[in-house]
Amino acid sequence: MRIGVIGGGAWGTALAQVAARGGEEVLLWAREPEVVASINDTHVNTVFLSAVPLPESIRATGDLADLVGCDALLVVAPAQHVRSVLAALAVGTTPLVLCAKGIEAGTQLLVGEIARAVHPAAPIAVLSGPTFAHEVAAGQPTAVTLACENEALGARLAERLAGPAFRTYASRDVVGAEIGGAVKNVLAIACGVVEGADLGQNARAALIARGFAEMTRFGLARGARAETLAGLSGLGDLVLTCSSTASRNFSLGVGLGQGRAAAELMADRRTVAEGAFTAPVLREAAAAAGVDMPVTAAVCALLEGADVREVVGTLLARPLTREHG
């Protein structure tokens, strides 16, 4: 199975390396000409993943048309750009493995729903879980969910991508796998705020637990399964990104917690803190579904310039209630 990768950032490059293990040929599309040149000339992505040498079996291209003929495509473009990238590519019935995490602004669609709208004949799968790109590229142990409604296709994709240190767990809950990945980015910003404002470890643990409750409420309202949200693509990814400065979203939250403006923090970033774009869309989608998501609302307020102490005070002043039901 020849794999094509759409997206030449750190995660796309790491996944290309996963797919290339064993000498398999992989074609990676990158928007940046310097990334294409770097991978082809030096076998290193000097822009986004400079510490990791890449096998010669990975070839880079700047032309999406070159991906025609691949047996499956890993879509790793940022969530807000997935529609435009897929619209520029002739896909037909080629399986799309969606690796971006987010909700589209304006439509409130998950990435899988975008892909179905643009390429209705293409089978859809979702790869999600607790994955820092530099650890995956370094061959450190990683486990992910690979969700696909077509069980046979999901099994083939899982087997193709699995390796000694990269475990793929099969699922048929595409929606659940996507929602976990999208919501955890917003909650990671909140946990970064806790760190930046020096609110303590008790507060972070409580926030992770209450954030997971929000994720579950929203997921169930959108048709996800509770066990998926409690798995690698939900709780697993949430724990990872809420506890490490290696998370772009967590780092953004640290800055917000220190009182810095969102525009300043995001101005110079070549990599995307997807939670900043997902948060207002998630707030709208939750309101439309009648789901209460106070942590998400607090993150939106901070991104919009609210004072950290006031936002935290508002959260703590919410009426006491039962933890379950």
C-alpha atoms as a PDB file:
ATOM      1  CA  MET A   1       0.000   0.000   0.000  1.00  0.00           C
ATOM      2  CA  ARG A   2       1.668   3.210  -1.211  1.00  0.00           C
ATOM      3  CA  ILE A   3       1.057   6.044   1.244  1.00  0.00           C
ATOM      4  CA  GLY A   4       0.832   9.741   0.434  1.00  0.00           C
ATOM      5  CA  VAL A   5       1.013  12.370   3.182  1.00  0.00           C
ATOM      6  CA  ILE A   6      -0.665  15.768   2.818  1.00  0.00           C
ATOM      7  CA  GLY A   7       1.165  18.202   5.088  1.00  0.00           C
ATOM      8  CA  GLY A   8       4.873  18.750   5.679  1.00  0.00           C
ATOM      9  CA  GLY A   9       4.843  19.958   9.270  1.00  0.00           C
ATOM     10  CA  ALA A  10       6.324  18.018  12.177  1.00  0.00           C
ATOM     11  CA  TRP A  11       3.360  15.624  12.485  1.00  0.00           C
ATOM     12  CA  GLY A  12       3.094  14.970   8.759  1.00  0.00           C
ATOM     13  CA  THR A  13       6.827  14.296   8.599  1.00  0.00           C
ATOM     14  CA  ALA A  14       6.698  11.950  11.595  1.00  0.00           C
ATOM     15  CA  LEU A  15       3.823  10.011  10.038  1.00  0.00           C
ATOM     16  CA  ALA A  16       5.702   9.796   6.743  1.00  0.00           C
ATOM     17  CA  GLN A  17       8.573   8.240   8.660  1.00  0.00           C
ATOM     18  CA  VAL A  18       6.187   5.776  10.322  1.00  0.00           C
ATOM     19  CA  ALA A  19       4.798   4.797   6.918  1.00  0.00           C
ATOM     20  CA  ALA A  20       8.299   4.483   5.425  1.00  0.00           C
ATOM     21  CA  ARG A  21       9.622   1.995   7.978  1.00  0.00           C
ATOM     22  CA  GLY A  22      10.700  -1.187   6.275  1.00  0.00           C
ATOM     23  CA  GLY A  23      11.702   0.684   3.126  1.00  0.00           C
ATOM     24  CA  GLU A  24       8.184   1.466   1.874  1.00  0.00           C
ATOM     25  CA  GLU A  25       8.034   4.408  -0.526  1.00  0.00           C
ATOM     26  CA  VAL A  26       6.145   7.435   0.824  1.00  0.00           C
ATOM     27  CA  LEU A  27       5.295  10.654  -1.011  1.00  0.00           C
ATOM     28  CA  LEU A  28       4.886  13.759   1.165  1.00  0.00           C
ATOM     29  CA  TRP A  29       3.277  16.972  -0.063  1.00  0.00           C
ATOM     30  CA  ALA A  30       4.372  20.218   1.597  1.00  0.00           C
ATOM     31  CA  ARG A  31       3.198  23.754   0.925  1.00  0.00           C
ATOM     32  CA  GLU A  32       6.627  25.244   1.723  1.00  0.00           C
ATOM     33  CA  PRO A  33       9.227  24.918  -1.080  1.00  0.00           C
ATOM     34  CA  GLU A  34      12.028  24.961   1.490  1.00  0.00           C
ATOM     35  CA  VAL A  35      10.563  21.864   3.167  1.00  0.00           C
ATOM     36  CA  VAL A  36      10.365  20.012  -0.150  1.00  0.00           C
ATOM     37  CA  ALA A  37      13.961  20.931  -1.011  1.00  0.00           C
ATOM     38  CA  SER A  38      15.258  20.046   2.445  1.00  0.00           C
ATOM     39  CA  ILE A  39      13.668  16.586   2.514  1.00  0.00           C
ATOM     40  CA  ASN A  40      14.730  15.708  -1.024  1.00  0.00           C
ATOM     41  CA  ASP A  41      18.252  17.126  -0.805  1.00  0.00           C
ATOM     42  CA  THR A  42      19.313  16.360   2.782  1.00  0.00           C
ATOM     43  CA  HIS A  43      16.668  13.859   4.021  1.00  0.00           C
ATOM     44  CA  VAL A  44      15.820  16.126   6.948  1.00  0.00           C
ATOM     45  CA  ASN A  45      12.875  18.488   7.437  1.00  0.00           C
ATOM     46  CA  THR A  46      15.055  21.361   8.627  1.00  0.00           C
ATOM     47  CA  VAL A  47      12.048  23.656   9.082  1.00  0.00           C
ATOM     48  CA  PHE A  48       9.772  21.583  11.323  1.00  0.00           C
ATOM     49  CA  LEU A  49      11.627  18.451  12.510  1.00  0.00           C
ATOM     50  CA  SER A  50      15.312  19.187  12.167  1.00  0.00           C
ATOM     51  CA  ALA A  51      16.631  16.676  14.714  1.00  0.00           C
ATOM     52  CA  VAL A  52      15.347  13.584  12.906  1.00  0.00           C
ATOM     53  CA  PRO A  53      17.025  12.021   9.848  1.00  0.00           C
ATOM     54  CA  LEU A  54      14.550  10.677   7.297  1.00  0.00           C
ATOM     55  CA  PRO A  55      14.907   7.576   5.108  1.00  0.00           C
ATOM     56  CA  GLU A  56      15.563   8.050   1.403  1.00  0.00           C
ATOM     57  CA  SER A  57      12.278   6.257   0.698  1.00  0.00           C
ATOM     58  CA  ILE A  58      10.446   9.484   1.663  1.00  0.00           C
ATOM     59  CA  ARG A  59      10.168  11.827  -1.301  1.00  0.00           C
ATOM     60  CA  ALA A  60       8.661  15.320  -1.038  1.00  0.00           C
ATOM     61  CA  THR A  61       6.672  17.274  -3.599  1.00  0.00           C
ATOM     62  CA  GLY A  62       5.017  20.665  -3.843  1.00  0.00           C
ATOM     63  CA  ASP A  63       2.471  19.485  -6.416  1.00  0.00           C
ATOM     64  CA  LEU A  64      -0.703  17.890  -5.060  1.00  0.00           C
ATOM     65  CA  ALA A  65      -1.291  16.197  -8.418  1.00  0.00           C
ATOM     66  CA  ASP A  66       1.707  13.959  -7.720  1.00  0.00           C
ATOM     67  CA  LEU A  67      -0.325  12.224  -4.999  1.00  0.00           C
ATOM     68  CA  VAL A  68      -2.731  10.769  -7.554  1.00  0.00           C
ATOM     69  CA  GLY A  69      -2.012   7.061  -7.686  1.00  0.00           C
ATOM     70  CA  CYS A  70      -1.305   6.631  -3.967  1.00  0.00           C
ATOM     71  CA  ASP A  71      -3.273   3.824  -2.352  1.00  0.00           C
ATOM     72  CA  ALA A  72      -4.156   5.884   0.748  1.00  0.00           C
ATOM     73  CA  LEU A  73      -3.649   9.502   1.798  1.00  0.00           C
ATOM     74  CA  LEU A  74      -2.847  10.715   5.303  1.00  0.00           C
ATOM     75  CA  VAL A  75      -4.387  14.179   5.600  1.00  0.00           C
ATOM     76  CA  VAL A  76      -2.295  16.184   8.071  1.00  0.00           C
ATOM     77  CA  ALA A  77      -3.081  19.737   6.929  1.00  0.00           C
ATOM     78  CA  PRO A  78      -4.439  22.022   9.721  1.00  0.00           C
ATOM     79  CA  ALA A  79      -8.166  21.574  10.227  1.00  0.00           C
ATOM     80  CA  GLN A  80      -9.054  25.040   8.926  1.00  0.00           C
ATOM     81  CA  HIS A  81      -7.254  24.308   5.627  1.00  0.00           C
ATOM     82  CA  VAL A  82      -8.426  20.741   5.025  1.00  0.00           C
ATOM     83  CA  ARG A  83     -11.331  21.779   2.784  1.00  0.00           C
ATOM     84  CA  SER A  84      -9.231  23.900   0.420  1.00  0.00           C
ATOM     85  CA  VAL A  85      -6.448  21.313   0.204  1.00  0.00           C
ATOM     86  CA  LEU A  86      -8.819  18.418  -0.496  1.00  0.00           C
ATOM     87  CA  ALA A  87     -10.761  20.478  -3.044  1.00  0.00           C
ATOM     88  CA  ALA A  88      -7.537  20.933  -5.029  1.00  0.00           C
ATOM     89  CA  LEU A  89      -6.890  17.173  -5.236  1.00  0.00           C
ATOM     90  CA  ALA A  90      -8.489  14.473  -7.369  1.00  0.00           C
ATOM     91  CA  VAL A  91      -9.223  11.745  -4.816  1.00  0.00           C
ATOM     92  CA  GLY A  92     -11.912   9.509  -6.286  1.00  0.00           C
ATOM     93  CA  THR A  93     -12.185   6.399  -4.114  1.00  0.00           C
ATOM     94  CA  THR A  94      -8.750   6.666  -2.501  1.00  0.00           C
ATOM     95  CA  PRO A  95      -9.055   6.213   1.294  1.00  0.00           C
ATOM     96  CA  LEU A  96      -8.471   9.380   3.324  1.00  0.00           C
ATOM     97  CA  VAL A  97      -6.916   8.934   6.762  1.00  0.00           C
ATOM     98  CA  LEU A  98      -7.629  12.157   8.633  1.00  0.00           C
ATOM     99  CA  CYS A  99      -4.905  13.152  11.083  1.00  0.00           C
ATOM    100  CA  ALA A 100      -5.863  16.800  11.703  1.00  0.00           C
ATOM    101  CA  LYS A 101      -7.734  17.710  14.900  1.00  0.00           C
ATOM    102  CA  GLY A 102     -10.299  20.484  14.918  1.00  0.00           C
ATOM    103  CA  ILE A 103     -13.728  21.796  13.903  1.00  0.00           C
ATOM    104  CA  GLU A 104     -14.200  23.984  10.841  1.00  0.00           C
ATOM    105  CA  ALA A 105     -15.088  27.619  11.510  1.00  0.00           C
ATOM    106  CA  GLY A 106     -18.397  28.687  10.015  1.00  0.00           C
ATOM    107  CA  THR A 107     -19.755  25.199   9.390  1.00  0.00           C
ATOM    108  CA  GLN A 108     -19.062  23.474  12.752  1.00  0.00           C
ATOM    109  CA  LEU A 109     -18.082  20.378  10.753  1.00  0.00           C
ATOM    110  CA  LEU A 110     -15.576  17.816  11.950  1.00  0.00           C
ATOM    111  CA  VAL A 111     -12.706  17.063   9.578  1.00  0.00           C
ATOM    112  CA  GLY A 112     -14.316  13.787   8.516  1.00  0.00           C
ATOM    113  CA  GLU A 113     -17.533  15.611   7.658  1.00  0.00           C
ATOM    114  CA  ILE A 114     -15.553  18.088   5.548  1.00  0.00           C
ATOM    115  CA  ALA A 115     -13.857  15.240   3.701  1.00  0.00           C
ATOM    116  CA  ARG A 116     -17.191  13.532   2.988  1.00  0.00           C
ATOM    117  CA  ALA A 117     -18.617  16.794   1.643  1.00  0.00           C
ATOM    118  CA  VAL A 118     -15.672  17.375  -0.707  1.00  0.00           C
ATOM    119  CA  HIS A 119     -15.051  13.753  -1.749  1.00  0.00           C
ATOM    120  CA  PRO A 120     -18.202  11.718  -1.061  1.00  0.00           C
ATOM    121  CA  ALA A 121     -16.848   8.573  -2.761  1.00  0.00           C
ATOM    122  CA  ALA A 122     -13.669   8.379  -0.676  1.00  0.00           C
ATOM    123  CA  PRO A 123     -13.628   6.015   2.338  1.00  0.00           C
ATOM    124  CA  ILE A 124     -12.834   7.870   5.567  1.00  0.00           C
ATOM    125  CA  ALA A 125     -10.648   6.876   8.497  1.00  0.00           C
ATOM    126  CA  VAL A 126      -9.347   8.857  11.468  1.00  0.00           C
ATOM    127  CA  LEU A 127      -5.975   8.473  13.168  1.00  0.00           C
ATOM    128  CA  SER A 128      -5.844  10.125  16.585  1.00  0.00           C
ATOM    129  CA  GLY A 129      -4.279   9.685  20.005  1.00  0.00           C
ATOM    130  CA  PRO A 130      -1.566  10.959  22.365  1.00  0.00           C
ATOM    131  CA  THR A 131       1.172  11.742  19.861  1.00  0.00           C
ATOM    132  CA  PHE A 132       3.976  14.271  20.075  1.00  0.00           C
ATOM    133  CA  ALA A 133       5.588  14.278  16.646  1.00  0.00           C
ATOM    134  CA  HIS A 134       9.191  14.342  17.862  1.00  0.00           C
ATOM    135  CA  GLU A 135       8.650  11.230  20.003  1.00  0.00           C
ATOM    136  CA  VAL A 136       6.954   9.334  17.167  1.00  0.00           C
ATOM    137  CA  ALA A 137       9.758  10.280  14.787  1.00  0.00           C
ATOM    138  CA  ALA A 138      12.350   9.159  17.334  1.00  0.00           C
ATOM    139  CA  GLY A 139      10.716   5.731  17.516  1.00  0.00           C
ATOM    140  CA  GLN A 140       9.533   6.067  21.093  1.00  0.00           C
ATOM    141  CA  PRO A 141       6.516   3.922  22.093  1.00  0.00           C
ATOM    142  CA  THR A 142       3.215   5.371  20.893  1.00  0.00           C
ATOM    143  CA  ALA A 143      -0.356   4.053  20.728  1.00  0.00           C
ATOM    144  CA  VAL A 144      -3.151   5.537  18.627  1.00  0.00           C
ATOM    145  CA  THR A 145      -6.747   4.939  17.635  1.00  0.00           C
ATOM    146  CA  LEU A 146      -7.401   4.222  13.966  1.00  0.00           C
ATOM    147  CA  ALA A 147     -11.146   4.573  13.439  1.00  0.00           C
ATOM    148  CA  CYS A 148     -12.886   3.486  10.249  1.00  0.00           C
ATOM    149  CA  GLU A 149     -16.501   2.520   9.671  1.00  0.00           C
ATOM    150  CA  ASN A 150     -15.323  -0.043   7.092  1.00  0.00           C
ATOM    151  CA  GLU A 151     -13.824  -2.620   9.423  1.00  0.00           C
ATOM    152  CA  ALA A 152     -11.829  -4.447   6.732  1.00  0.00           C
ATOM    153  CA  LEU A 153     -10.279  -1.237   5.407  1.00  0.00           C
ATOM    154  CA  GLY A 154      -9.525  -0.086   8.946  1.00  0.00           C
ATOM    155  CA  ALA A 155      -7.691  -3.336   9.622  1.00  0.00           C
ATOM    156  CA  ARG A 156      -5.581  -2.959   6.455  1.00  0.00           C
ATOM    157  CA  LEU A 157      -4.676   0.631   7.288  1.00  0.00           C
ATOM    158  CA  ALA A 158      -3.871  -0.244  10.893  1.00  0.00           C
ATOM    159  CA  GLU A 159      -1.591  -3.065   9.801  1.00  0.00           C
ATOM    160  CA  ARG A 160       0.129  -0.878   7.193  1.00  0.00           C
ATOM    161  CA  LEU A 161       0.944   1.883   9.703  1.00  0.00           C
ATOM    162  CA  ALA A 162       1.696  -0.254  12.760  1.00  0.00           C
ATOM    163  CA  GLY A 163       5.297  -0.814  13.793  1.00  0.00           C
ATOM    164  CA  PRO A 164       7.287  -2.153  16.749  1.00  0.00           C
ATOM    165  CA  ALA A 165       6.835   1.132  18.645  1.00  0.00           C
ATOM    166  CA  PHE A 166       3.688   2.448  16.907  1.00  0.00           C
ATOM    167  CA  ARG A 167       0.585   0.523  18.024  1.00  0.00           C
ATOM    168  CA  THR A 168      -2.685   1.064  16.204  1.00  0.00           C
ATOM    169  CA  TYR A 169      -5.932   0.170  17.995  1.00  0.00           C
ATOM    170  CA  ALA A 170      -8.928  -0.325  15.709  1.00  0.00           C
ATOM    171  CA  SER A 171     -12.281   1.379  16.194  1.00  0.00           C
ATOM    172  CA  ARG A 172     -15.400   2.019  14.121  1.00  0.00           C
ATOM    173  CA  ASP A 173     -16.289   5.245  15.991  1.00  0.00           C
ATOM    174  CA  VAL A 174     -15.011   7.883  13.587  1.00  0.00           C
ATOM    175  CA  VAL A 175     -16.965  10.709  15.254  1.00  0.00           C
ATOM    176  CA  GLY A 176     -15.702   9.846  18.729  1.00  0.00           C
ATOM    177  CA  ALA A 177     -12.079   9.720  17.589  1.00  0.00           C
ATOM    178  CA  GLU A 178     -12.436  13.138  15.967  1.00  0.00           C
ATOM    179  CA  ILE A 179     -14.212  14.830  18.859  1.00  0.00           C
ATOM    180  CA  GLY A 180     -11.622  13.715  21.390  1.00  0.00           C
ATOM    181  CA  GLY A 181      -8.823  15.201  19.295  1.00  0.00           C
ATOM    182  CA  ALA A 182     -10.659  18.473  18.680  1.00  0.00           C
ATOM    183  CA  VAL A 183     -11.861  19.165  22.222  1.00  0.00           C
ATOM    184  CA  LYS A 184      -8.600  18.230  23.954  1.00  0.00           C
ATOM    185  CA  ASN A 185      -6.812  21.064  22.125  1.00  0.00           C
ATOM    186  CA  VAL A 186      -9.095  23.614  23.782  1.00  0.00           C
ATOM    187  CA  LEU A 187      -8.727  21.982  27.197  1.00  0.00           C
ATOM    188  CA  ALA A 188      -4.939  21.952  26.813  1.00  0.00           C
ATOM    189  CA  ILE A 189      -5.036  25.735  26.501  1.00  0.00           C
ATOM    190  CA  ALA A 190      -6.996  25.872  29.760  1.00  0.00           C
ATOM    191  CA  CYS A 191      -4.438  23.689  31.535  1.00  0.00           C
ATOM    192  CA  GLY A 192      -1.662  25.893  30.224  1.00  0.00           C
ATOM    193  CA  VAL A 193      -3.451  28.858  31.769  1.00  0.00           C
ATOM    194  CA  VAL A 194      -3.402  27.058  35.116  1.00  0.00           C
ATOM    195  CA  GLU A 195       0.367  26.648  34.758  1.00  0.00           C
ATOM    196  CA  GLY A 196       0.990  30.204  33.589  1.00  0.00           C
ATOM    197  CA  ALA A 197      -1.139  31.717  36.346  1.00  0.00           C
ATOM    198  CA  ASP A 198       0.516  29.449  38.948  1.00  0.00           C
ATOM    199  CA  LEU A 199      -2.793  28.063  40.176  1.00  0.00           C
ATOM    200  CA  GLY A 200      -1.313  24.749  41.307  1.00  0.00           C
ATOM    201  CA  GLN A 201      -1.473  21.042  40.548  1.00  0.00           C
ATOM    202  CA  ASN A 202      -4.810  20.551  42.324  1.00  0.00           C
ATOM    203  CA  ALA A 203      -6.401  23.009  39.922  1.00  0.00           C
ATOM    204  CA  ARG A 204      -4.868  21.292  36.890  1.00  0.00           C
ATOM    205  CA  ALA A 205      -6.101  17.853  37.948  1.00  0.00           C
ATOM    206  CA  ALA A 206      -9.591  19.206  38.596  1.00  0.00           C
ATOM    207  CA  LEU A 207      -9.577  20.978  35.239  1.00  0.00           C
ATOM    208  CA  ILE A 208      -8.585  17.818  33.372  1.00  0.00           C
ATOM    209  CA  ALA A 209     -11.403  15.894  35.064  1.00  0.00           C
ATOM    210  CA  ARG A 210     -14.042  18.575  34.467  1.00  0.00           C
ATOM    211  CA  GLY A 211     -12.744  19.124  30.947  1.00  0.00           C
ATOM    212  CA  PHE A 212     -13.124  15.434  30.222  1.00  0.00           C
ATOM    213  CA  ALA A 213     -16.729  15.705  31.447  1.00  0.00           C
ATOM    214  CA  GLU A 214     -17.272  18.487  28.899  1.00  0.00           C
ATOM    215  CA  MET A 215     -15.682  16.407  26.155  1.00  0.00           C
ATOM    216  CA  THR A 216     -17.954  13.495  27.015  1.00  0.00           C
ATOM    217  CA  ARG A 217     -21.138  15.592  27.098  1.00  0.00           C
ATOM    218  CA  PHE A 218     -20.365  17.151  23.733  1.00  0.00           C
ATOM    219  CA  GLY A 219     -19.233  13.878  22.203  1.00  0.00           C
ATOM    220  CA  LEU A 220     -22.361  12.012  23.209  1.00  0.00           C
ATOM    221  CA  ALA A 221     -24.486  14.843  21.824  1.00  0.00           C
ATOM    222  CA  ARG A 222     -22.711  14.469  18.456  1.00  0.00           C
ATOM    223  CA  GLY A 223     -23.083  10.694  18.335  1.00  0.00           C
ATOM    224  CA  ALA A 224     -19.751   9.542  19.791  1.00  0.00           C
ATOM    225  CA  ARG A 225     -19.401   6.496  22.011  1.00  0.00           C
ATOM    226  CA  ALA A 226     -18.402   7.011  25.634  1.00  0.00           C
ATOM    227  CA  GLU A 227     -15.768   4.255  25.474  1.00  0.00           C
ATOM    228  CA  THR A 228     -14.030   6.009  22.567  1.00  0.00           C
ATOM    229  CA  LEU A 229     -13.836   9.248  24.509  1.00  0.00           C
ATOM    230  CA  ALA A 230     -12.352   7.343  27.448  1.00  0.00           C
ATOM    231  CA  GLY A 231      -9.722   5.802  25.177  1.00  0.00           C
ATOM    232  CA  LEU A 232      -6.538   6.881  23.430  1.00  0.00           C
ATOM    233  CA  SER A 233      -8.112   9.485  21.148  1.00  0.00           C
ATOM    234  CA  GLY A 234      -9.981  11.157  24.005  1.00  0.00           C
ATOM    235  CA  LEU A 235      -8.702  10.816  27.554  1.00  0.00           C
ATOM    236  CA  GLY A 236      -5.271   9.603  26.450  1.00  0.00           C
ATOM    237  CA  ASP A 237      -4.670  12.602  24.198  1.00  0.00           C
ATOM    238  CA  LEU A 238      -6.156  14.931  26.811  1.00  0.00           C
ATOM    239  CA  VAL A 239      -3.721  13.798  29.528  1.00  0.00           C
ATOM    240  CA  LEU A 240      -0.734  14.237  27.199  1.00  0.00           C
ATOM    241  CA  THR A 241      -1.517  17.704  25.935  1.00  0.00           C
ATOM    242  CA  CYS A 242      -2.653  19.025  29.305  1.00  0.00           C
ATOM    243  CA  SER A 243       0.631  18.245  31.009  1.00  0.00           C
ATOM    244  CA  SER A 244       3.527  19.221  28.771  1.00  0.00           C
ATOM    245  CA  THR A 245       5.023  22.382  27.308  1.00  0.00           C
ATOM    246  CA  ALA A 246       5.755  20.323  24.179  1.00  0.00           C
ATOM    247  CA  SER A 247       2.063  20.857  23.395  1.00  0.00           C
ATOM    248  CA  ARG A 248       1.546  23.998  21.284  1.00  0.00           C
ATOM    249  CA  ASN A 249      -1.878  24.499  22.841  1.00  0.00           C
ATOM    250  CA  PHE A 250      -0.568  24.120  26.389  1.00  0.00           C
ATOM    251  CA  SER A 251       2.234  26.612  25.647  1.00  0.00           C
ATOM    252  CA  LEU A 252      -0.297  29.108  24.307  1.00  0.00           C
ATOM    253  CA  GLY A 253      -2.282  28.723  27.528  1.00  0.00           C
ATOM    254  CA  VAL A 254       0.827  29.326  29.640  1.00  0.00           C
ATOM    255  CA  GLY A 255       1.272  32.676  27.910  1.00  0.00           C
ATOM    256  CA  LEU A 256      -2.374  33.585  28.412  1.00  0.00           C
ATOM    257  CA  GLY A 257      -2.088  32.648  32.087  1.00  0.00           C
ATOM    258  CA  GLN A 258       0.853  35.025  32.386  1.00  0.00           C
ATOM    259  CA  GLY A 259      -1.336  37.842  31.090  1.00  0.00           C
ATOM    260  CA  ARG A 260      -0.021  38.043  27.544  1.00  0.00           C
ATOM    261  CA  ALA A 261      -2.352  38.705  24.612  1.00  0.00           C
ATOM    262  CA  ALA A 262      -3.375  35.882  22.277  1.00  0.00           C
ATOM    263  CA  ALA A 263      -2.467  37.914  19.182  1.00  0.00           C
ATOM    264  CA  GLU A 264       1.057  38.459  20.499  1.00  0.00           C
ATOM    265  CA  LEU A 265       1.513  34.797  21.400  1.00  0.00           C
ATOM    266  CA  MET A 266       0.367  33.536  17.999  1.00  0.00           C
ATOM    267  CA  ALA A 267       2.004  36.167  15.808  1.00  0.00           C
ATOM    268  CA  ASP A 268       5.347  34.437  15.259  1.00  0.00           C
ATOM    269  CA  ARG A 269       4.261  30.802  15.303  1.00  0.00           C
ATOM    270  CA  ARG A 270       5.034  28.711  12.230  1.00  0.00           C
ATOM    271  CA  THR A 271       3.178  25.839  13.857  1.00  0.00           C
ATOM    272  CA  VAL A 272      -0.530  25.997  14.628  1.00  0.00           C
ATOM    273  CA  ALA A 273      -2.126  25.947  18.097  1.00  0.00           C
ATOM    274  CA  GLU A 274      -5.316  24.471  16.656  1.00  0.00           C
ATOM    275  CA  GLY A 275      -7.245  24.917  19.906  1.00  0.00           C
ATOM    276  CA  ALA A 276      -7.276  28.680  19.431  1.00  0.00           C
ATOM    277  CA  PHE A 277      -9.292  28.268  16.239  1.00  0.00           C
ATOM    278  CA  THR A 278     -11.411  25.410  17.542  1.00  0.00           C
ATOM    279  CA  ALA A 279     -12.484  27.090  20.810  1.00  0.00           C
ATOM    280  CA  PRO A 280     -14.987  29.650  19.432  1.00  0.00           C
ATOM    281  CA  VAL A 281     -16.396  27.098  16.983  1.00  0.00           C
ATOM    282  CA  LEU A 282     -16.753  24.546  19.773  1.00  0.00           C
ATOM    283  CA  ARG A 283     -18.542  27.131  21.921  1.00  0.00           C
ATOM    284  CA  GLU A 284     -21.042  27.737  19.104  1.00  0.00           C
ATOM    285  CA  ALA A 285     -21.519  24.034  18.401  1.00  0.00           C
ATOM    286  CA  ALA A 286     -22.045  23.298  22.097  1.00  0.00           C
ATOM    287  CA  ALA A 287     -24.655  26.045  22.386  1.00  0.00           C
ATOM    288  CA  ALA A 288     -26.454  24.697  19.314  1.00  0.00           C
ATOM    289  CA  ALA A 289     -26.483  21.222  20.860  1.00  0.00           C
ATOM    290  CA  GLY A 290     -27.589  22.503  24.288  1.00  0.00           C
ATOM    291  CA  VAL A 291     -24.367  21.291  25.945  1.00  0.00           C
ATOM    292  CA  ASP A 292     -22.857  23.196  28.878  1.00  0.00           C
ATOM    293  CA  MET A 293     -19.090  23.710  28.393  1.00  0.00           C
ATOM    294  CA  PRO A 294     -17.876  26.305  30.920  1.00  0.00           C
ATOM    295  CA  VAL A 295     -14.155  25.524  30.514  1.00  0.00           C
ATOM    296  CA  THR A 296     -14.454  26.030  26.765  1.00  0.00           C
ATOM    297  CA  ALA A 297     -16.274  29.316  27.340  1.00  0.00           C
ATOM    298  CA  ALA A 298     -13.495  30.427  29.701  1.00  0.00           C
ATOM    299  CA  VAL A 299     -10.821  29.681  27.088  1.00  0.00           C
ATOM    300  CA  CYS A 300     -12.776  31.710  24.526  1.00  0.00           C
ATOM    301  CA  ALA A 301     -12.975  34.638  26.939  1.00  0.00           C
ATOM    302  CA  LEU A 302      -9.204  34.558  27.486  1.00  0.00           C
ATOM    303  CA  LEU A 303      -8.510  34.379  23.751  1.00  0.00           C
ATOM    304  CA  GLU A 304     -10.770  37.399  23.345  1.00  0.00           C
ATOM    305  CA  GLY A 305      -8.741  39.387  25.887  1.00  0.00           C
ATOM    306  CA  ALA A 306     -10.509  38.849  29.227  1.00  0.00           C
ATOM    307  CA  ASP A 307      -8.513  39.151  32.457  1.00  0.00           C
ATOM    308  CA  VAL A 308      -7.225  35.834  33.786  1.00  0.00           C
ATOM    309  CA  ARG A 309      -8.263  36.460  37.394  1.00  0.00           C
ATOM    310  CA  GLU A 310     -11.773  37.483  36.387  1.00  0.00           C
ATOM    311  CA  VAL A 311     -12.232  34.398  34.200  1.00  0.00           C
ATOM    312  CA  VAL A 312     -10.952  32.054  36.907  1.00  0.00           C
ATOM    313  CA  GLY A 313     -13.156  33.785  39.469  1.00  0.00           C
ATOM    314  CA  THR A 314     -16.204  33.319  37.258  1.00  0.00           C
ATOM    315  CA  LEU A 315     -15.482  29.597  36.930  1.00  0.00           C
ATOM    316  CA  LEU A 316     -15.035  29.157  40.667  1.00  0.00           C
ATOM    317  CA  ALA A 317     -18.222  31.097  41.414  1.00  0.00           C
ATOM    318  CA  ARG A 318     -20.435  28.798  39.334  1.00  0.00           C
ATOM    319  CA  PRO A 319     -23.313  27.261  41.347  1.00  0.00           C
ATOM    320  CA  LEU A 320     -22.452  23.998  43.093  1.00  0.00           C
ATOM    321  CA  THR A 321     -23.972  20.931  41.478  1.00  0.00           C
ATOM    322  CA  ARG A 322     -23.802  17.155  41.400  1.00  0.00           C
ATOM    323  CA  GLU A 323     -20.761  15.606  39.719  1.00  0.00           C
ATOM    324  CA  HIS A 324     -22.887  13.106  37.799  1.00  0.00           C
ATOM    325  CA  GLY A 325     -26.342  13.716  36.417  1.00  0.00           C
END
